[in-house]
Amino acid sequence: MAWMVLLVVALMSLNHWLMEPLLQLGTGLFEGQAVGWLLLLLLLWITAGAVAPKR
C-alpha cells in the first residue's frame, strides 16, 4: 500500500514539473502579453520562405 502512495506522489510531482512551464507560457499567450512576439515570429516565418525555381 505504501508503494501506491509513493507512486501517486511521484506521478503528481512529475506532472507538476512538466506542466508548470506550459501553464506559465499559456497564461501569457491567453492574456495577450505575447502578441507582439507572435506577430514578429509570423512576419519572420512569412519572409523566410524560399522562392521556388521556375520551370
N, C-alpha and C. Protein backbone atom coordinates (compact mmCIF):
# COMPACT_ATOMS: atom_id res chain seq x y z
N MET A 1 0.81 -1.19 0.00
CA MET A 1 0.00 0.00 0.00
C MET A 1 0.87 1.27 0.00
N ALA A 2 2.01 1.21 0.68
CA ALA A 2 2.88 2.38 0.73
C ALA A 2 3.45 2.68 -0.66
N TRP A 3 3.70 1.67 -1.46
CA TRP A 3 4.23 1.91 -2.81
C TRP A 3 3.21 2.64 -3.67
N MET A 4 1.92 2.42 -3.42
CA MET A 4 0.88 3.10 -4.18
C MET A 4 0.87 4.60 -3.84
N VAL A 5 1.04 4.91 -2.57
CA VAL A 5 1.10 6.32 -2.17
C VAL A 5 2.33 6.98 -2.78
N LEU A 6 3.46 6.30 -2.75
CA LEU A 6 4.68 6.85 -3.34
C LEU A 6 4.54 7.02 -4.85
N LEU A 7 3.86 6.08 -5.49
CA LEU A 7 3.64 6.19 -6.94
C LEU A 7 2.77 7.39 -7.28
N VAL A 8 1.72 7.60 -6.51
CA VAL A 8 0.83 8.75 -6.75
C VAL A 8 1.59 10.06 -6.52
N VAL A 9 2.37 10.14 -5.47
CA VAL A 9 3.14 11.35 -5.18
C VAL A 9 4.16 11.60 -6.29
N ALA A 10 4.82 10.54 -6.75
CA ALA A 10 5.80 10.69 -7.82
C ALA A 10 5.14 11.15 -9.12
N LEU A 11 4.00 10.58 -9.45
CA LEU A 11 3.32 10.99 -10.68
C LEU A 11 2.79 12.41 -10.61
N MET A 12 2.29 12.79 -9.45
CA MET A 12 1.79 14.16 -9.29
C MET A 12 2.93 15.18 -9.37
N SER A 13 4.07 14.86 -8.78
CA SER A 13 5.19 15.79 -8.85
C SER A 13 5.76 15.87 -10.26
N LEU A 14 5.79 14.75 -10.97
CA LEU A 14 6.26 14.74 -12.35
C LEU A 14 5.32 15.57 -13.23
N ASN A 15 4.03 15.41 -13.01
CA ASN A 15 3.05 16.19 -13.77
C ASN A 15 3.21 17.68 -13.49
N HIS A 16 3.42 18.04 -12.24
CA HIS A 16 3.61 19.46 -11.90
C HIS A 16 4.89 19.99 -12.53
N TRP A 17 5.96 19.21 -12.49
CA TRP A 17 7.25 19.64 -13.04
C TRP A 17 7.16 19.84 -14.55
N LEU A 18 6.39 19.00 -15.23
CA LEU A 18 6.28 19.11 -16.68
C LEU A 18 5.27 20.17 -17.12
N MET A 19 4.20 20.32 -16.38
CA MET A 19 3.13 21.19 -16.82
C MET A 19 3.25 22.64 -16.36
N GLU A 20 4.02 22.91 -15.33
CA GLU A 20 4.15 24.28 -14.82
C GLU A 20 4.70 25.25 -15.86
N PRO A 21 5.78 24.92 -16.60
CA PRO A 21 6.25 25.86 -17.64
C PRO A 21 5.22 26.06 -18.75
N LEU A 22 4.50 25.01 -19.12
CA LEU A 22 3.48 25.15 -20.15
C LEU A 22 2.33 26.02 -19.68
N LEU A 23 2.00 25.91 -18.42
CA LEU A 23 0.93 26.73 -17.85
C LEU A 23 1.34 28.20 -17.85
N GLN A 24 2.56 28.49 -17.49
CA GLN A 24 3.03 29.88 -17.50
C GLN A 24 3.07 30.45 -18.91
N LEU A 25 3.52 29.66 -19.87
CA LEU A 25 3.55 30.09 -21.26
C LEU A 25 2.14 30.32 -21.79
N GLY A 26 1.24 29.39 -21.50
CA GLY A 26 -0.13 29.52 -21.96
C GLY A 26 -0.84 30.72 -21.36
N THR A 27 -0.55 31.03 -20.11
CA THR A 27 -1.16 32.19 -19.46
C THR A 27 -0.75 33.48 -20.17
N GLY A 28 0.53 33.58 -20.50
CA GLY A 28 0.99 34.76 -21.22
C GLY A 28 0.36 34.89 -22.60
N LEU A 29 0.17 33.77 -23.27
CA LEU A 29 -0.44 33.82 -24.60
C LEU A 29 -1.91 34.20 -24.52
N PHE A 30 -2.64 33.63 -23.58
CA PHE A 30 -4.07 33.91 -23.50
C PHE A 30 -4.37 35.29 -22.94
N GLU A 31 -3.47 35.85 -22.18
CA GLU A 31 -3.69 37.21 -21.67
C GLU A 31 -3.24 38.27 -22.66
N GLY A 32 -2.65 37.87 -23.76
CA GLY A 32 -2.27 38.82 -24.80
C GLY A 32 -0.92 39.47 -24.58
N GLN A 33 -0.13 38.97 -23.66
CA GLN A 33 1.16 39.59 -23.39
C GLN A 33 2.18 39.29 -24.48
N ALA A 34 1.98 38.23 -25.23
CA ALA A 34 2.97 37.82 -26.21
C ALA A 34 2.53 38.10 -27.65
N VAL A 35 1.55 38.97 -27.83
CA VAL A 35 1.04 39.24 -29.17
C VAL A 35 2.12 39.83 -30.07
N GLY A 36 2.91 40.74 -29.53
CA GLY A 36 3.98 41.35 -30.33
C GLY A 36 5.00 40.33 -30.80
N TRP A 37 5.39 39.44 -29.91
CA TRP A 37 6.35 38.40 -30.29
C TRP A 37 5.75 37.44 -31.32
N LEU A 38 4.48 37.11 -31.15
CA LEU A 38 3.83 36.22 -32.11
C LEU A 38 3.74 36.86 -33.49
N LEU A 39 3.44 38.16 -33.54
CA LEU A 39 3.40 38.85 -34.83
C LEU A 39 4.78 38.92 -35.47
N LEU A 40 5.80 39.14 -34.66
CA LEU A 40 7.16 39.16 -35.17
C LEU A 40 7.56 37.79 -35.73
N LEU A 41 7.24 36.73 -34.99
CA LEU A 41 7.54 35.38 -35.47
C LEU A 41 6.77 35.05 -36.74
N LEU A 42 5.53 35.50 -36.83
CA LEU A 42 4.74 35.27 -38.04
C LEU A 42 5.35 36.01 -39.22
N LEU A 43 5.78 37.24 -39.00
CA LEU A 43 6.42 38.02 -40.06
C LEU A 43 7.73 37.36 -40.52
N LEU A 44 8.53 36.89 -39.57
CA LEU A 44 9.77 36.21 -39.92
C LEU A 44 9.51 34.92 -40.68
N TRP A 45 8.47 34.20 -40.28
CA TRP A 45 8.14 32.94 -40.94
C TRP A 45 7.69 33.19 -42.38
N ILE A 46 6.89 34.24 -42.59
CA ILE A 46 6.41 34.54 -43.93
C ILE A 46 7.55 34.98 -44.83
N THR A 47 8.43 35.81 -44.30
CA THR A 47 9.53 36.33 -45.13
C THR A 47 10.68 35.35 -45.31
N ALA A 48 10.71 34.28 -44.53
CA ALA A 48 11.81 33.33 -44.62
C ALA A 48 11.56 32.24 -45.66
N GLY A 49 10.43 32.27 -46.34
CA GLY A 49 10.13 31.23 -47.32
C GLY A 49 11.05 31.33 -48.53
N ALA A 50 11.47 30.19 -49.00
CA ALA A 50 12.34 30.15 -50.17
C ALA A 50 11.51 30.30 -51.44
N VAL A 51 12.08 30.95 -52.42
CA VAL A 51 11.40 31.14 -53.70
C VAL A 51 11.58 29.86 -54.51
N ALA A 52 10.48 29.35 -55.03
CA ALA A 52 10.55 28.14 -55.84
C ALA A 52 11.13 28.46 -57.21
N PRO A 53 12.00 27.60 -57.72
CA PRO A 53 12.59 27.86 -59.05
C PRO A 53 11.52 27.72 -60.16
N LYS A 54 11.62 28.57 -61.17
CA LYS A 54 10.68 28.50 -62.29
C LYS A 54 11.12 27.38 -63.22
N ARG A 55 10.12 26.71 -63.79
CA ARG A 55 10.43 25.60 -64.72
C ARG A 55 10.12 25.99 -66.13
